[in-house]
């Protein structure tokens, strides 16, 4: 514990952290005024584990009850980390650990079709009912677009659907491919608002079943269909391709092949729109706890990596937009709704799951609020003259779509 005490003492520059170790000894680490937190460790193994991999073992210990919070909340504890993360990462042992992770990141198993399905099932097939407890009415499990601080989660998610639809520059009767369609909100919105035909593909059996049901209930089965299929198995040509929150699952080795497949599926005058979590600061790696418990096989790529992969596929980048704090606000809303329905989540999946999910939502929020994560939109074409030269068409399309909306969100 003395070594850990020394390192954490240097780590805490803002706020106060009191650690009661597994032998009952109290260690007070304080900096400038800030959050005040007291935690108790119930396992002597944590004295060493927290030194080597603080994110992984803090998350595991909180899930298992081997780390409890006696003063403050989990939000306070993770806020303390967010405010002091730069000084922790500057510690020599952390620099060494990150260097090894970067060297080994290329050795991760490649997400082939079989592995990708297994990874998706691990997260998205938990329970549709659980996701209803914290998502918006339309079950949009991706970053919302807050045009105003007063927007509700429902309004912000519809803002996102509308904004993407406007960027696609849609024409009635066009064929659209939705890669990673989730529970179908994007496909249903496009078909209803823009009079197009949409094929959505997903690897989640529960998402596929509910999305199909929702399209039927909306009276859109003739224009919207969903298939349980990997995007690499899709054939044909599409006027437009959209992918929202799926690119983070393709894996490092599949960044360039993804865009090669997009090019293959696009018509010559086609347009694609990619909505994905990304990172500033260059290539990195997925956090150990998130990779183990939340998104196996997942990786949020740097913008530089993504652009390199696009160049290899010989596609035009016709528009790029960066969303900074929108996902932080989305995750804050999800966290509040999950907390309000925590007893229902525990009845469905147990107390340990609830602690895991709380930790996941908070560290995800803070990765956007204090860390290097953001969301990017990249618009792609095969030809240089496919879209109008000025971006005015996006704003005009958004206005038309908003005027035509008769419901707040596709029903779930």
Protein backbone atom coordinates (compact mmCIF):
# COMPACT_ATOMS: atom_id res chain seq x y z
CA UNK A 1 0.00 0.00 0.00
CA UNK A 2 2.85 2.54 0.55
CA UNK A 3 3.72 2.56 -3.19
CA UNK A 4 0.07 2.92 -4.17
CA UNK A 5 -0.29 5.66 -1.56
CA UNK A 6 2.66 7.56 -3.06
CA UNK A 7 1.35 7.30 -6.61
CA UNK A 8 -2.22 8.24 -5.72
CA UNK A 9 -0.89 11.09 -3.63
CA UNK A 10 0.72 12.52 -6.79
CA UNK A 11 -2.45 11.68 -8.73
CA UNK A 12 -4.86 13.73 -6.62
CA UNK A 13 -4.35 17.37 -7.61
CA UNK A 14 -8.02 18.38 -7.29
CA UNK A 15 -10.41 17.11 -4.62
CA UNK A 16 -9.90 14.65 -1.78
CA UNK A 17 -9.79 10.84 -1.77
CA UNK A 18 -9.72 8.84 1.45
CA UNK A 19 -8.86 5.15 1.05
CA UNK A 20 -9.58 2.69 3.85
CA UNK A 21 -7.47 -0.28 2.87
CA UNK A 22 -8.29 -3.94 3.43
CA UNK A 23 -6.45 -3.86 6.78
CA UNK A 24 -8.49 -0.92 8.05
CA UNK A 25 -5.77 1.72 7.59
CA UNK A 26 -6.91 5.16 6.44
CA UNK A 27 -5.02 7.10 3.73
CA UNK A 28 -6.05 10.68 2.94
CA UNK A 29 -4.99 12.11 -0.42
CA UNK A 30 -5.94 15.74 -1.01
CA UNK A 31 -5.38 18.54 -3.49
CA UNK A 32 -7.17 21.76 -4.35
CA UNK A 33 -10.87 22.04 -3.40
CA UNK A 34 -13.04 19.55 -5.27
CA UNK A 35 -15.09 16.38 -4.78
CA UNK A 36 -14.60 14.57 -1.50
CA UNK A 37 -14.81 10.76 -1.60
CA UNK A 38 -14.09 7.93 0.80
CA UNK A 39 -13.76 4.36 -0.47
CA UNK A 40 -13.15 1.11 1.40
CA UNK A 41 -11.19 -1.81 -0.07
CA UNK A 42 -12.27 -5.28 1.06
CA UNK A 43 -9.54 -7.31 -0.64
CA UNK A 44 -5.77 -6.96 -0.13
CA UNK A 45 -5.22 -7.92 -3.78
CA UNK A 46 -6.62 -4.51 -4.72
CA UNK A 47 -3.60 -2.79 -3.14
CA UNK A 48 -1.50 -4.05 -6.07
CA UNK A 49 -4.19 -4.33 -8.74
CA UNK A 50 -5.23 -0.69 -8.51
CA UNK A 51 -1.62 0.31 -9.07
CA UNK A 52 -1.28 -1.67 -12.30
CA UNK A 53 -4.69 -1.33 -13.95
CA UNK A 54 -6.83 1.22 -12.08
CA UNK A 55 -9.73 1.32 -14.55
CA UNK A 56 -10.09 -2.46 -14.92
CA UNK A 57 -9.82 -3.31 -11.23
CA UNK A 58 -11.81 -0.34 -9.94
CA UNK A 59 -14.69 -1.40 -12.19
CA UNK A 60 -14.42 -5.07 -11.25
CA UNK A 61 -14.12 -4.34 -7.53
CA UNK A 62 -17.14 -2.03 -7.61
CA UNK A 63 -19.19 -4.65 -9.48
CA UNK A 64 -18.19 -7.40 -7.02
CA UNK A 65 -18.60 -5.33 -3.87
CA UNK A 66 -14.87 -5.54 -3.06
CA UNK A 67 -14.75 -1.74 -3.29
CA UNK A 68 -17.49 0.25 -1.58
CA UNK A 69 -18.05 3.98 -1.37
CA UNK A 70 -18.56 5.28 2.16
CA UNK A 71 -18.65 9.00 1.39
CA UNK A 72 -19.88 10.45 -1.88
CA UNK A 73 -21.23 8.56 -4.87
CA UNK A 74 -19.86 6.61 -7.82
CA UNK A 75 -20.29 9.79 -9.88
CA UNK A 76 -18.17 11.67 -7.34
CA UNK A 77 -15.46 9.00 -7.45
CA UNK A 78 -15.30 8.96 -11.25
CA UNK A 79 -15.47 12.75 -11.39
CA UNK A 80 -12.42 12.78 -9.14
CA UNK A 81 -10.68 10.49 -11.62
CA UNK A 82 -11.82 12.63 -14.57
CA UNK A 83 -10.45 15.81 -13.00
CA UNK A 84 -7.11 14.16 -12.17
CA UNK A 85 -6.68 11.70 -15.03
CA UNK A 86 -3.85 13.66 -16.67
CA UNK A 87 -1.65 13.44 -13.57
CA UNK A 88 -2.40 9.71 -13.16
CA UNK A 89 -1.52 8.98 -16.79
CA UNK A 90 1.75 10.90 -16.29
CA UNK A 91 2.94 8.34 -13.72
CA UNK A 92 5.85 6.22 -15.10
CA UNK A 93 4.08 2.91 -14.44
CA UNK A 94 0.98 4.06 -16.33
CA UNK A 95 3.07 5.28 -19.26
CA UNK A 96 4.76 1.89 -19.42
CA UNK A 97 1.44 0.01 -19.30
CA UNK A 98 -0.05 2.16 -22.10
CA UNK A 99 3.04 1.66 -24.25
CA UNK A 100 2.70 -2.12 -23.98
CA UNK A 101 -1.03 -1.95 -24.76
CA UNK A 102 -0.32 0.06 -27.92
CA UNK A 103 2.34 -2.42 -29.03
CA UNK A 104 -0.01 -5.35 -28.58
CA UNK A 105 -3.21 -3.80 -29.95
CA UNK A 106 -2.64 -5.26 -33.41
CA UNK A 107 -2.65 -8.78 -31.94
CA UNK A 108 -6.32 -8.65 -30.97
CA UNK A 109 -8.47 -11.36 -32.63
CA UNK A 110 -9.93 -10.18 -35.92
CA UNK A 111 -13.68 -9.61 -35.90
CA UNK A 112 -14.73 -12.11 -38.54
CA UNK A 113 -18.43 -12.81 -39.11
CA UNK A 114 -18.66 -15.48 -36.41
CA UNK A 115 -16.80 -13.47 -33.77
CA UNK A 116 -18.72 -10.29 -34.64
CA UNK A 117 -22.03 -12.04 -34.03
CA UNK A 118 -20.81 -13.35 -30.69
CA UNK A 119 -19.64 -9.86 -29.67
CA UNK A 120 -22.97 -8.31 -30.63
CA UNK A 121 -24.97 -10.94 -28.76
CA UNK A 122 -22.93 -10.28 -25.61
CA UNK A 123 -24.16 -6.69 -25.46
CA UNK A 124 -27.26 -6.13 -27.56
CA UNK A 125 -29.12 -9.34 -26.72
CA UNK A 126 -29.13 -8.71 -22.97
CA UNK A 127 -32.83 -7.82 -22.86
CA UNK A 128 -35.03 -5.50 -24.90
CA UNK A 129 -36.91 -4.72 -21.71
CA UNK A 130 -33.71 -3.58 -20.01
CA UNK A 131 -32.93 -1.16 -22.82
CA UNK A 132 -36.46 0.26 -22.61
CA UNK A 133 -35.67 1.27 -19.02
CA UNK A 134 -33.24 4.01 -20.02
CA UNK A 135 -33.43 4.74 -23.76
CA UNK A 136 -35.82 7.17 -25.45
CA UNK A 137 -39.19 6.11 -26.83
CA UNK A 138 -37.60 5.26 -30.17
CA UNK A 139 -34.90 3.03 -28.61
CA UNK A 140 -32.04 4.99 -30.17
CA UNK A 141 -28.87 3.57 -28.63
CA UNK A 142 -26.44 6.18 -29.97
CA UNK A 143 -25.53 9.82 -29.47
CA UNK A 144 -28.42 12.28 -29.54
CA UNK A 145 -28.15 15.76 -31.07
CA UNK A 146 -28.92 18.55 -28.60
CA UNK A 147 -29.79 21.62 -30.62
CA UNK A 148 -30.88 23.32 -27.38
CA UNK A 149 -30.03 22.68 -23.70
CA UNK A 150 -33.79 22.42 -23.16
CA UNK A 151 -34.20 19.48 -25.55
CA UNK A 152 -35.58 16.30 -24.01
CA UNK A 153 -33.84 13.03 -24.82
CA UNK A 154 -36.72 12.18 -27.17
CA UNK A 155 -36.41 15.51 -29.01
CA UNK A 156 -32.62 15.25 -29.24
CA UNK A 157 -32.81 11.75 -30.73
CA UNK A 158 -35.28 12.89 -33.38
CA UNK A 159 -32.94 15.83 -34.07
CA UNK A 160 -30.24 13.25 -34.80
CA UNK A 161 -32.44 11.21 -37.16
CA UNK A 162 -33.51 14.37 -38.99
CA UNK A 163 -29.96 15.72 -39.27
CA UNK A 164 -28.68 12.46 -40.76
CA UNK A 165 -31.62 12.22 -43.16
CA UNK A 166 -30.86 15.76 -44.39
CA UNK A 167 -27.22 14.89 -45.03
CA UNK A 168 -28.22 11.89 -47.13
CA UNK A 169 -29.95 14.20 -49.66
CA UNK A 170 -32.70 11.65 -50.22
CA UNK A 171 -35.08 11.36 -53.17
CA UNK A 172 -38.39 9.44 -53.08
CA UNK A 173 -38.09 5.82 -54.15
CA UNK A 174 -34.39 5.44 -53.43
CA UNK A 175 -32.98 2.24 -51.92
CA UNK A 176 -31.24 2.69 -48.55
CA UNK A 177 -29.01 0.33 -46.57
CA UNK A 178 -28.84 0.82 -42.80
CA UNK A 179 -25.74 -0.99 -41.49
CA UNK A 180 -26.24 -1.83 -37.81
CA UNK A 181 -29.90 -0.85 -37.73
CA UNK A 182 -30.49 -1.37 -34.01
CA UNK A 183 -34.18 -1.42 -33.10
CA UNK A 184 -35.11 0.23 -36.40
CA UNK A 185 -35.69 3.91 -35.60
CA UNK A 186 -33.42 5.25 -38.35
CA UNK A 187 -34.95 3.01 -41.01
CA UNK A 188 -38.50 3.77 -39.92
CA UNK A 189 -37.83 7.51 -39.84
CA UNK A 190 -36.31 7.52 -43.34
CA UNK A 191 -39.14 5.49 -44.85
CA UNK A 192 -41.86 7.54 -43.19
CA UNK A 193 -40.36 11.01 -43.71
CA UNK A 194 -38.59 10.58 -47.04
CA UNK A 195 -40.64 7.94 -48.93
CA UNK A 196 -37.71 5.56 -49.49
CA UNK A 197 -37.15 1.80 -49.24
CA UNK A 198 -34.84 0.68 -46.44
CA UNK A 199 -33.00 -2.55 -45.70
CA UNK A 200 -31.60 -2.71 -42.18
CA UNK A 201 -29.07 -5.34 -41.13
CA UNK A 202 -28.11 -6.37 -37.61
CA UNK A 203 -26.49 -9.33 -35.84
CA UNK A 204 -28.73 -9.05 -32.77
CA UNK A 205 -31.67 -11.46 -32.78
CA UNK A 206 -33.59 -9.38 -30.25
CA UNK A 207 -33.08 -6.15 -32.17
CA UNK A 208 -34.09 -7.84 -35.42
CA UNK A 209 -37.33 -9.20 -33.97
CA UNK A 210 -38.41 -5.93 -32.37
CA UNK A 211 -37.39 -3.79 -35.36
CA UNK A 212 -39.49 -6.00 -37.65
CA UNK A 213 -42.42 -5.72 -35.27
CA UNK A 214 -42.11 -1.93 -35.10
CA UNK A 215 -42.05 -1.56 -38.88
CA UNK A 216 -45.22 -3.65 -39.14
CA UNK A 217 -46.95 -1.63 -36.43
CA UNK A 218 -46.01 1.57 -38.27
CA UNK A 219 -47.57 0.19 -41.48
CA UNK A 220 -44.22 0.26 -43.26
CA UNK A 221 -43.51 -3.43 -43.90
CA UNK A 222 -43.75 -2.82 -47.64
CA UNK A 223 -40.91 -0.28 -47.51
CA UNK A 224 -38.83 -1.33 -44.49
CA UNK A 225 -37.36 -4.77 -43.89
CA UNK A 226 -34.72 -6.04 -41.52
CA UNK A 227 -32.35 -8.95 -41.93
CA UNK A 228 -30.22 -10.84 -39.42
CA UNK A 229 -27.07 -10.52 -41.48
CA UNK A 230 -23.49 -9.26 -41.32
CA UNK A 231 -22.89 -6.21 -43.51
CA UNK A 232 -20.14 -8.13 -45.32
CA UNK A 233 -22.76 -10.59 -46.58
CA UNK A 234 -25.02 -7.93 -48.13
CA UNK A 235 -25.23 -7.92 -51.93
CA UNK A 236 -26.70 -5.47 -54.44
CA UNK A 237 -26.43 -1.71 -54.94
CA UNK A 238 -27.90 1.08 -52.83
CA UNK A 239 -28.50 4.75 -53.52
CA UNK A 240 -27.70 5.62 -49.92
CA UNK A 241 -25.93 3.88 -47.04
CA UNK A 242 -26.20 4.97 -43.43
CA UNK A 243 -24.46 3.54 -40.39
CA UNK A 244 -25.10 4.88 -36.89
CA UNK A 245 -23.11 3.58 -33.92
CA UNK A 246 -21.93 0.40 -35.62
CA UNK A 247 -18.47 1.34 -36.94
CA UNK A 248 -17.07 1.11 -33.40
CA UNK A 249 -17.64 -2.66 -33.59
CA UNK A 250 -15.80 -3.50 -36.82
CA UNK A 251 -12.41 -3.68 -35.10
CA UNK A 252 -9.01 -2.25 -35.98
CA UNK A 253 -8.23 -4.80 -38.70
CA UNK A 254 -11.53 -4.13 -40.51
CA UNK A 255 -11.47 -0.33 -40.84
CA UNK A 256 -10.32 -0.31 -44.48
CA UNK A 257 -12.36 -3.39 -45.55
CA UNK A 258 -15.49 -1.70 -44.15
CA UNK A 259 -15.13 1.24 -46.54
CA UNK A 260 -14.22 -1.04 -49.43
CA UNK A 261 -17.53 -2.83 -48.86
CA UNK A 262 -19.38 0.50 -48.67
CA UNK A 263 -17.90 1.49 -52.03
CA UNK A 264 -18.91 -1.86 -53.53
CA UNK A 265 -22.52 -1.45 -52.34
CA UNK A 266 -22.97 2.20 -53.42
CA UNK A 267 -24.39 3.17 -56.80
CA UNK A 268 -22.16 5.48 -58.84
CA UNK A 269 -24.13 8.53 -57.66
CA UNK A 270 -24.62 7.14 -54.14
CA UNK A 271 -24.03 8.82 -50.78
CA UNK A 272 -22.98 7.25 -47.47
CA UNK A 273 -23.15 8.78 -44.00
CA UNK A 274 -21.10 7.33 -41.12
CA UNK A 275 -21.94 8.26 -37.52
CA UNK A 276 -19.35 6.87 -35.11
CA UNK A 277 -17.59 7.43 -31.82
CA UNK A 278 -14.01 8.49 -32.41
CA UNK A 279 -11.02 9.79 -30.49
CA UNK A 280 -8.77 12.81 -30.74
CA UNK A 281 -5.05 12.47 -30.20
CA UNK A 282 -4.33 9.66 -32.63
CA UNK A 283 -4.67 5.86 -32.49
CA UNK A 284 -5.27 4.28 -29.10
CA UNK A 285 -6.86 1.22 -27.55
CA UNK A 286 -10.11 0.22 -25.88
CA UNK A 287 -10.09 0.37 -22.09
CA UNK A 288 -9.51 -3.02 -20.48
CA UNK A 289 -12.72 -2.98 -18.41
CA UNK A 290 -14.92 -1.85 -21.31
CA UNK A 291 -13.38 -4.47 -23.63
CA UNK A 292 -13.91 -7.23 -21.07
CA UNK A 293 -17.40 -6.43 -19.81
CA UNK A 294 -19.19 -4.10 -22.26
CA UNK A 295 -17.92 -4.12 -25.86
CA UNK A 296 -15.75 -7.15 -26.62
CA UNK A 297 -14.00 -6.58 -29.93
CA UNK A 298 -14.93 -2.89 -29.94
CA UNK A 299 -12.64 0.01 -30.86
CA UNK A 300 -13.45 3.70 -31.35
CA UNK A 301 -10.95 4.78 -34.03
CA UNK A 302 -9.10 8.05 -34.32
CA UNK A 303 -10.21 10.35 -37.10
CA UNK A 304 -6.76 9.96 -38.67
CA UNK A 305 -7.13 6.16 -38.81
CA UNK A 306 -10.58 6.48 -40.31
CA UNK A 307 -9.46 8.91 -43.00
CA UNK A 308 -6.58 6.63 -43.95
CA UNK A 309 -9.00 3.72 -44.35
CA UNK A 310 -11.32 5.86 -46.50
CA UNK A 311 -8.43 6.90 -48.72
CA UNK A 312 -7.56 3.24 -49.27
CA UNK A 313 -11.14 2.63 -50.45
CA UNK A 314 -10.85 5.56 -52.91
CA UNK A 315 -13.96 7.34 -51.65
CA UNK A 316 -14.56 11.09 -51.55
CA UNK A 317 -14.97 12.69 -48.13
CA UNK A 318 -17.57 15.35 -48.85
CA UNK A 319 -18.40 16.52 -45.34
CA UNK A 320 -17.08 16.04 -41.80
CA UNK A 321 -18.81 17.17 -38.60
CA UNK A 322 -17.56 16.72 -35.03
CA UNK A 323 -19.99 16.38 -32.11
CA UNK A 324 -18.19 17.08 -28.84
CA UNK A 325 -20.34 17.05 -25.69
CA UNK A 326 -23.56 15.72 -27.23
CA UNK A 327 -22.81 12.17 -26.14
CA UNK A 328 -21.91 13.28 -22.62
CA UNK A 329 -25.39 14.80 -22.33
CA UNK A 330 -26.99 11.72 -23.88
CA UNK A 331 -25.26 9.43 -21.39
CA UNK A 332 -26.21 11.71 -18.52
CA UNK A 333 -29.86 11.35 -19.54
CA UNK A 334 -29.51 7.57 -19.87
CA UNK A 335 -27.88 7.37 -16.45
CA UNK A 336 -30.72 9.31 -14.84
CA UNK A 337 -33.34 7.08 -16.42
CA UNK A 338 -31.47 3.92 -15.47
CA UNK A 339 -31.21 5.10 -11.86
CA UNK A 340 -34.95 5.81 -11.79
CA UNK A 341 -35.63 2.24 -13.00
CA UNK A 342 -32.81 0.50 -11.16
CA UNK A 343 -35.11 -1.81 -9.21
CA UNK A 344 -36.64 -3.08 -12.45
CA UNK A 345 -33.18 -3.64 -13.97
CA UNK A 346 -32.12 -5.58 -10.86
CA UNK A 347 -35.23 -7.77 -11.12
CA UNK A 348 -34.34 -8.52 -14.76
CA UNK A 349 -30.58 -9.03 -14.58
CA UNK A 350 -29.43 -8.81 -10.97
CA UNK A 351 -27.61 -6.40 -8.65
CA UNK A 352 -24.13 -7.07 -10.04
CA UNK A 353 -25.35 -6.18 -13.52
CA UNK A 354 -26.78 -2.90 -12.20
CA UNK A 355 -23.44 -1.92 -10.66
CA UNK A 356 -21.70 -2.84 -13.92
CA UNK A 357 -24.14 -0.78 -15.99
CA UNK A 358 -23.86 2.24 -13.66
CA UNK A 359 -20.09 2.11 -14.00
CA UNK A 360 -20.35 1.77 -17.79
CA UNK A 361 -22.70 4.72 -18.27
CA UNK A 362 -20.61 6.97 -16.04
CA UNK A 363 -17.17 6.18 -17.47
CA UNK A 364 -18.64 6.55 -20.96
CA UNK A 365 -20.09 9.96 -20.10
CA UNK A 366 -16.79 11.10 -18.61
CA UNK A 367 -14.81 9.87 -21.63
CA UNK A 368 -16.64 12.59 -23.58
CA UNK A 369 -16.80 15.17 -20.79
CA UNK A 370 -13.19 14.91 -19.57
CA UNK A 371 -11.44 12.57 -21.99
CA UNK A 372 -10.67 12.34 -25.70
CA UNK A 373 -13.83 10.83 -27.15
CA UNK A 374 -16.18 12.56 -29.57
CA UNK A 375 -18.62 11.60 -32.33
CA UNK A 376 -17.87 12.22 -35.99
CA UNK A 377 -20.08 12.32 -39.06
CA UNK A 378 -18.33 11.55 -42.32
CA UNK A 379 -20.24 11.91 -45.58
CA UNK A 380 -18.88 9.88 -48.51
CA UNK A 381 -19.43 9.61 -52.25
CA UNK A 382 -17.82 7.79 -55.16
CA UNK A 383 -17.85 10.84 -57.43
CA UNK A 384 -16.81 14.42 -56.76
CA UNK A 385 -19.97 16.02 -58.18
CA UNK A 386 -22.66 13.86 -56.52
CA UNK A 387 -23.83 16.44 -53.96
CA UNK A 388 -24.51 20.21 -54.10
CA UNK A 389 -21.39 22.33 -53.66
CA UNK A 390 -22.74 24.35 -50.73
CA UNK A 391 -24.03 22.87 -47.44
CA UNK A 392 -27.26 24.91 -47.60
CA UNK A 393 -29.15 21.86 -48.83
CA UNK A 394 -28.67 20.20 -45.42
CA UNK A 395 -30.28 23.07 -43.52
CA UNK A 396 -33.11 23.34 -46.04
CA UNK A 397 -33.79 19.60 -45.87
CA UNK A 398 -33.87 19.67 -42.07
CA UNK A 399 -36.49 22.42 -42.15
CA UNK A 400 -38.65 20.49 -44.60
CA UNK A 401 -38.36 17.32 -42.54
CA UNK A 402 -39.21 19.10 -39.31
CA UNK A 403 -42.26 20.72 -40.89
CA UNK A 404 -43.42 17.29 -42.07
CA UNK A 405 -42.98 15.43 -38.80
CA UNK A 406 -46.30 14.48 -37.28
CA UNK A 407 -45.00 12.44 -34.33
CA UNK A 408 -42.26 13.14 -31.82
CA UNK A 409 -40.48 9.83 -32.49
CA UNK A 410 -41.05 6.44 -34.16
CA UNK A 411 -43.05 4.38 -31.63
CA UNK A 412 -41.26 1.68 -29.67
